[in-house]
Amino acid sequence: MLNHADLMLTLANDRHRELVEEADRHHLLSIARLARKARKAPVVRGRPTGNLASCETSAAVPVR
């Protein structure tokens, strides 16, 4: 085992940074996949295509 505490701390910090970078990459890739999937989804008439809720309340309107 390594006897130098500074070296062990450096190795632990490097590994932690690698894990954080990997998690960030995974998060960005999943967002990109969702965005691509949303673009390919068929558009439904009368509904917003985004993933954010609208500010206005929607009410059912009877068909004439």
Protein backbone atom coordinates (compact mmCIF):
# COMPACT_ATOMS: atom_id res chain seq x y z
CA MET A 1 0.00 0.00 0.00
CA LEU A 2 1.08 3.55 -0.52
CA ASN A 3 2.59 5.30 2.48
CA HIS A 4 2.17 8.88 1.31
CA ALA A 5 -1.04 10.52 2.49
CA ASP A 6 -0.73 13.35 -0.06
CA LEU A 7 -0.51 10.87 -2.93
CA MET A 8 -3.58 8.97 -1.68
CA LEU A 9 -5.52 12.23 -1.36
CA THR A 10 -4.52 13.23 -4.88
CA LEU A 11 -5.61 9.85 -6.26
CA ALA A 12 -8.91 10.05 -4.41
CA ASN A 13 -9.57 13.58 -5.71
CA ASP A 14 -8.72 12.53 -9.27
CA ARG A 15 -11.11 9.59 -9.06
CA HIS A 16 -13.84 11.82 -7.65
CA ARG A 17 -13.37 14.28 -10.54
CA GLU A 18 -13.58 11.39 -13.04
CA LEU A 19 -16.84 10.21 -11.49
CA VAL A 20 -18.33 13.70 -11.59
CA GLU A 21 -17.30 14.15 -15.24
CA GLU A 22 -18.80 10.78 -16.15
CA ALA A 23 -22.08 11.69 -14.44
CA ASP A 24 -22.15 15.04 -16.29
CA ARG A 25 -21.57 13.29 -19.63
CA HIS A 26 -24.32 10.81 -18.88
CA HIS A 27 -26.71 13.63 -17.94
CA LEU A 28 -25.95 15.63 -21.10
CA LEU A 29 -26.31 12.57 -23.32
CA SER A 30 -29.67 11.67 -21.79
CA ILE A 31 -30.91 15.24 -22.35
CA ALA A 32 -29.75 15.07 -25.98
CA ARG A 33 -31.53 11.74 -26.48
CA LEU A 34 -34.75 13.14 -25.06
CA ALA A 35 -34.50 16.19 -27.31
CA ARG A 36 -34.00 14.02 -30.39
CA LYS A 37 -36.91 11.81 -29.39
CA ALA A 38 -39.13 14.87 -28.88
CA ARG A 39 -38.25 16.16 -32.35
CA LYS A 40 -39.20 12.85 -33.95
CA ALA A 41 -42.49 12.52 -32.07
CA PRO A 42 -45.58 13.29 -34.13
CA VAL A 43 -47.20 16.65 -33.50
CA VAL A 44 -50.63 16.49 -31.90
CA ARG A 45 -52.97 19.27 -32.94
CA GLY A 46 -54.00 21.61 -30.16
CA ARG A 47 -51.27 20.53 -27.78
CA PRO A 48 -47.96 22.21 -27.17
CA THR A 49 -44.96 20.32 -28.51
CA GLY A 50 -42.57 21.36 -25.75
CA ASN A 51 -42.07 19.76 -22.37
CA LEU A 52 -42.95 22.88 -20.37
CA ALA A 53 -46.45 23.45 -19.02
CA SER A 54 -48.28 26.43 -20.44
CA CYS A 55 -49.14 29.38 -18.24
CA GLU A 56 -52.76 29.47 -19.38
CA THR A 57 -55.37 27.04 -18.16
CA SER A 58 -56.92 24.89 -20.85
CA ALA A 59 -60.62 24.17 -20.99
CA ALA A 60 -62.53 21.63 -23.05
CA VAL A 61 -64.51 23.29 -25.84
CA PRO A 62 -67.54 21.47 -27.27
CA VAL A 63 -67.38 20.62 -30.96
CA ARG A 64 -69.79 22.55 -33.19
